C-alpha atoms as a PDB file:
ATOM      1  CA  UNK A   1      44.651 -21.956  45.272  1.00  0.00           C
ATOM      2  CA  UNK A   2      43.217 -20.553  47.018  1.00  0.00           C
ATOM      3  CA  UNK A   3      40.255 -18.543  44.139  1.00  0.00           C
ATOM      4  CA  UNK A   4      40.081 -22.447  42.238  1.00  0.00           C
ATOM      5  CA  UNK A   5      38.414 -23.155  46.159  1.00  0.00           C
ATOM      6  CA  UNK A   6      36.185 -20.569  46.355  1.00  0.00           C
ATOM      7  CA  UNK A   7      35.491 -20.921  42.978  1.00  0.00           C
ATOM      8  CA  UNK A   8      34.420 -24.969  43.345  1.00  0.00           C
ATOM      9  CA  UNK A   9      32.714 -23.686  46.846  1.00  0.00           C
ATOM     10  CA  UNK A  10      30.787 -21.051  44.709  1.00  0.00           C
ATOM     11  CA  UNK A  11      30.172 -22.987  41.667  1.00  0.00           C
ATOM     12  CA  UNK A  12      29.071 -26.238  45.161  1.00  0.00           C
ATOM     13  CA  UNK A  13      26.926 -23.731  45.347  1.00  0.00           C
ATOM     14  CA  UNK A  14      24.338 -22.632  43.864  1.00  0.00           C
ATOM     15  CA  UNK A  15      24.117 -26.078  42.655  1.00  0.00           C
ATOM     16  CA  UNK A  16      23.011 -27.284  45.324  1.00  0.00           C
ATOM     17  CA  UNK A  17      20.334 -24.116  46.088  1.00  0.00           C
ATOM     18  CA  UNK A  18      18.988 -24.851  42.178  1.00  0.00           C
ATOM     19  CA  UNK A  19      15.552 -26.827  42.278  1.00  0.00           C
ATOM     20  CA  UNK A  20      15.462 -28.767  39.098  1.00  0.00           C
ATOM     21  CA  UNK A  21      11.684 -30.047  40.045  1.00  0.00           C
ATOM     22  CA  UNK A  22       8.975 -27.438  38.480  1.00  0.00           C
ATOM     23  CA  UNK A  23       6.737 -25.993  41.445  1.00  0.00           C
ATOM     24  CA  UNK A  24       2.917 -24.936  41.079  1.00  0.00           C
ATOM     25  CA  UNK A  25       1.611 -23.858  39.116  1.00  0.00           C
ATOM     26  CA  UNK A  26      -1.869 -21.949  39.965  1.00  0.00           C
ATOM     27  CA  UNK A  27      -4.125 -19.740  37.807  1.00  0.00           C
ATOM     28  CA  UNK A  28      -7.279 -18.783  37.831  1.00  0.00           C
ATOM     29  CA  UNK A  29      -9.996 -17.250  34.755  1.00  0.00           C
ATOM     30  CA  UNK A  30      -7.547 -18.440  31.997  1.00  0.00           C
ATOM     31  CA  UNK A  31      -9.779 -18.347  28.748  1.00  0.00           C
ATOM     32  CA  UNK A  32     -10.230 -21.556  26.422  1.00  0.00           C
ATOM     33  CA  UNK A  33     -11.375 -22.414  23.439  1.00  0.00           C
ATOM     34  CA  UNK A  34     -15.187 -22.199  22.662  1.00  0.00           C
ATOM     35  CA  UNK A  35     -15.003 -26.201  21.445  1.00  0.00           C
ATOM     36  CA  UNK A  36     -18.807 -25.007  19.822  1.00  0.00           C
ATOM     37  CA  UNK A  37     -21.744 -22.608  20.138  1.00  0.00           C
ATOM     38  CA  UNK A  38     -24.909 -22.966  18.858  1.00  0.00           C
ATOM     39  CA  UNK A  39     -26.544 -19.056  17.193  1.00  0.00           C
ATOM     40  CA  UNK A  40     -30.158 -18.977  16.239  1.00  0.00           C
ATOM     41  CA  UNK A  41     -30.300 -16.552  13.489  1.00  0.00           C
ATOM     42  CA  UNK A  42     -33.288 -14.960  14.920  1.00  0.00           C
ATOM     43  CA  UNK A  43     -34.646 -13.201  18.323  1.00  0.00           C
ATOM     44  CA  UNK A  44     -37.326 -11.644  18.978  1.00  0.00           C
ATOM     45  CA  UNK A  45     -37.478  -8.060  21.392  1.00  0.00           C
ATOM     46  CA  UNK A  46     -37.720  -9.313  25.432  1.00  0.00           C
ATOM     47  CA  UNK A  47     -37.803 -12.734  24.522  1.00  0.00           C
ATOM     48  CA  UNK A  48     -34.838 -14.768  26.267  1.00  0.00           C
ATOM     49  CA  UNK A  49     -32.425 -15.537  23.286  1.00  0.00           C
ATOM     50  CA  UNK A  50     -30.888 -19.326  24.625  1.00  0.00           C
ATOM     51  CA  UNK A  51     -26.892 -19.687  22.382  1.00  0.00           C
ATOM     52  CA  UNK A  52     -25.669 -23.887  23.418  1.00  0.00           C
ATOM     53  CA  UNK A  53     -22.209 -22.928  24.597  1.00  0.00           C
ATOM     54  CA  UNK A  54     -19.293 -25.526  25.464  1.00  0.00           C
ATOM     55  CA  UNK A  55     -15.904 -26.225  25.840  1.00  0.00           C
ATOM     56  CA  UNK A  56     -13.279 -28.679  26.724  1.00  0.00           C
ATOM     57  CA  UNK A  57      -9.433 -28.355  28.197  1.00  0.00           C
ATOM     58  CA  UNK A  58      -7.064 -31.270  27.376  1.00  0.00           C
ATOM     59  CA  UNK A  59      -5.896 -33.232  30.289  1.00  0.00           C
ATOM     60  CA  UNK A  60      -6.294 -32.330  34.257  1.00  0.00           C
ATOM     61  CA  UNK A  61      -5.201 -29.950  35.228  1.00  0.00           C
ATOM     62  CA  UNK A  62      -7.472 -28.214  33.804  1.00  0.00           C
ATOM     63  CA  UNK A  63     -10.706 -27.426  36.469  1.00  0.00           C
ATOM     64  CA  UNK A  64     -14.100 -25.405  37.230  1.00  0.00           C
ATOM     65  CA  UNK A  65     -15.326 -24.549  33.660  1.00  0.00           C
ATOM     66  CA  UNK A  66     -17.202 -22.059  32.878  1.00  0.00           C
ATOM     67  CA  UNK A  67     -18.967 -19.330  31.007  1.00  0.00           C
ATOM     68  CA  UNK A  68     -19.737 -15.886  30.595  1.00  0.00           C
ATOM     69  CA  UNK A  69     -21.725 -12.938  28.610  1.00  0.00           C
ATOM     70  CA  UNK A  70     -20.266 -10.069  29.161  1.00  0.00           C
ATOM     71  CA  UNK A  71     -23.020  -6.794  27.594  1.00  0.00           C
ATOM     72  CA  UNK A  72     -20.245  -4.442  26.070  1.00  0.00           C
ATOM     73  CA  UNK A  73     -23.821  -2.445  24.663  1.00  0.00           C
ATOM     74  CA  UNK A  74     -27.470  -2.263  24.311  1.00  0.00           C
ATOM     75  CA  UNK A  75     -26.675  -4.853  21.053  1.00  0.00           C
ATOM     76  CA  UNK A  76     -22.666  -6.377  21.626  1.00  0.00           C
ATOM     77  CA  UNK A  77     -21.553  -8.593  23.438  1.00  0.00           C
ATOM     78  CA  UNK A  78     -18.636 -10.767  24.725  1.00  0.00           C
ATOM     79  CA  UNK A  79     -18.628 -14.947  25.797  1.00  0.00           C
ATOM     80  CA  UNK A  80     -15.686 -16.448  27.865  1.00  0.00           C
ATOM     81  CA  UNK A  81     -15.416 -20.149  28.696  1.00  0.00           C
ATOM     82  CA  UNK A  82     -12.912 -19.722  31.050  1.00  0.00           C
ATOM     83  CA  UNK A  83     -11.402 -21.822  33.582  1.00  0.00           C
ATOM     84  CA  UNK A  84      -8.982 -23.086  36.236  1.00  0.00           C
ATOM     85  CA  UNK A  85      -5.330 -24.712  35.740  1.00  0.00           C
ATOM     86  CA  UNK A  86      -3.541 -26.072  38.573  1.00  0.00           C
ATOM     87  CA  UNK A  87      -1.074 -28.471  37.843  1.00  0.00           C
ATOM     88  CA  UNK A  88       2.484 -29.813  40.242  1.00  0.00           C
ATOM     89  CA  UNK A  89       4.814 -31.309  36.722  1.00  0.00           C
ATOM     90  CA  UNK A  90       2.093 -33.311  35.922  1.00  0.00           C
ATOM     91  CA  UNK A  91      -1.100 -33.645  34.966  1.00  0.00           C
ATOM     92  CA  UNK A  92      -3.378 -36.613  34.428  1.00  0.00           C
ATOM     93  CA  UNK A  93      -4.460 -37.633  30.760  1.00  0.00           C
ATOM     94  CA  UNK A  94      -7.568 -37.235  31.032  1.00  0.00           C
ATOM     95  CA  UNK A  95      -9.539 -34.576  29.068  1.00  0.00           C
ATOM     96  CA  UNK A  96     -12.151 -31.939  31.469  1.00  0.00           C
ATOM     97  CA  UNK A  97     -15.171 -30.694  29.459  1.00  0.00           C
ATOM     98  CA  UNK A  98     -18.295 -28.555  30.181  1.00  0.00           C
ATOM     99  CA  UNK A  99     -21.953 -27.208  28.544  1.00  0.00           C
ATOM    100  CA  UNK A 100     -23.770 -24.854  29.469  1.00  0.00           C
ATOM    101  CA  UNK A 101     -26.587 -22.005  27.569  1.00  0.00           C
ATOM    102  CA  UNK A 102     -25.791 -18.411  27.038  1.00  0.00           C
ATOM    103  CA  UNK A 103     -29.351 -16.138  27.919  1.00  0.00           C
ATOM    104  CA  UNK A 104     -29.491 -12.962  26.645  1.00  0.00           C
ATOM    105  CA  UNK A 105     -32.884 -10.625  26.693  1.00  0.00           C
ATOM    106  CA  UNK A 106     -32.655  -7.791  23.588  1.00  0.00           C
ATOM    107  CA  UNK A 107     -34.299  -4.575  23.994  1.00  0.00           C
ATOM    108  CA  UNK A 108     -34.028  -2.828  21.142  1.00  0.00           C
ATOM    109  CA  UNK A 109     -34.651  -4.830  17.147  1.00  0.00           C
ATOM    110  CA  UNK A 110     -31.290  -5.509  14.745  1.00  0.00           C
ATOM    111  CA  UNK A 111     -28.190  -6.765  14.780  1.00  0.00           C
ATOM    112  CA  UNK A 112     -27.144  -8.113  17.733  1.00  0.00           C
ATOM    113  CA  UNK A 113     -23.525  -9.239  17.649  1.00  0.00           C
ATOM    114  CA  UNK A 114     -21.943 -11.832  19.667  1.00  0.00           C
ATOM    115  CA  UNK A 115     -18.031 -11.723  19.997  1.00  0.00           C
ATOM    116  CA  UNK A 116     -16.659 -15.486  21.690  1.00  0.00           C
ATOM    117  CA  UNK A 117     -13.295 -15.757  22.373  1.00  0.00           C
ATOM    118  CA  UNK A 118     -10.469 -18.580  21.607  1.00  0.00           C
ATOM    119  CA  UNK A 119      -8.017 -16.707  23.446  1.00  0.00           C
ATOM    120  CA  UNK A 120      -7.204 -13.726  24.580  1.00  0.00           C
ATOM    121  CA  UNK A 121      -6.865 -12.064  21.644  1.00  0.00           C
ATOM    122  CA  UNK A 122      -8.807 -13.779  19.496  1.00  0.00           C
ATOM    123  CA  UNK A 123     -12.804 -14.054  18.870  1.00  0.00           C
ATOM    124  CA  UNK A 124     -15.539 -15.814  16.658  1.00  0.00           C
ATOM    125  CA  UNK A 125     -18.354 -13.164  16.000  1.00  0.00           C
ATOM    126  CA  UNK A 126     -21.481 -15.231  15.351  1.00  0.00           C
ATOM    127  CA  UNK A 127     -24.961 -12.655  14.465  1.00  0.00           C
ATOM    128  CA  UNK A 128     -28.738 -12.640  15.965  1.00  0.00           C
ATOM    129  CA  UNK A 129     -31.099 -11.067  13.896  1.00  0.00           C
ATOM    130  CA  UNK A 130     -34.283 -10.040  16.408  1.00  0.00           C
ATOM    131  CA  UNK A 131     -37.630  -8.583  15.392  1.00  0.00           C
ATOM    132  CA  UNK A 132     -40.012  -7.329  16.838  1.00  0.00           C
ATOM    133  CA  UNK A 133     -42.553  -9.183  18.088  1.00  0.00           C
ATOM    134  CA  UNK A 134     -45.218 -10.326  15.800  1.00  0.00           C
ATOM    135  CA  UNK A 135     -48.991  -8.210  16.970  1.00  0.00           C
ATOM    136  CA  UNK A 136     -50.568 -10.799  18.121  1.00  0.00           C
ATOM    137  CA  UNK A 137     -54.802 -11.038  17.068  1.00  0.00           C
END
């Protein structure tokens, strides 16, 4: 009789100590996919190249959408859309979106490759062909 009482007490203690409600979750700097980006086909050396970007998150637990352009070398760039996520279990049914312009100024001619990261593992590449400035007379 004693072992079964011990088992019942242990099971009751385990069940009452389990919190079946999801706990709060909070993440920062989470990569989210770009909704749209517009890259010019050409650029001119020593003149800013502007790239339009936008991103959208599917619920109101997302906030603070922002964009980063990281230069890897003089002709290679990584573009990121990142956001923060915070939830206590339920997320408002609203979309959160943002847009911006990313800018770089090329210092060399040739193909400049921009990788738009959709997740931490998947990117889409686009290219800007940079040429020398035309001679002004």
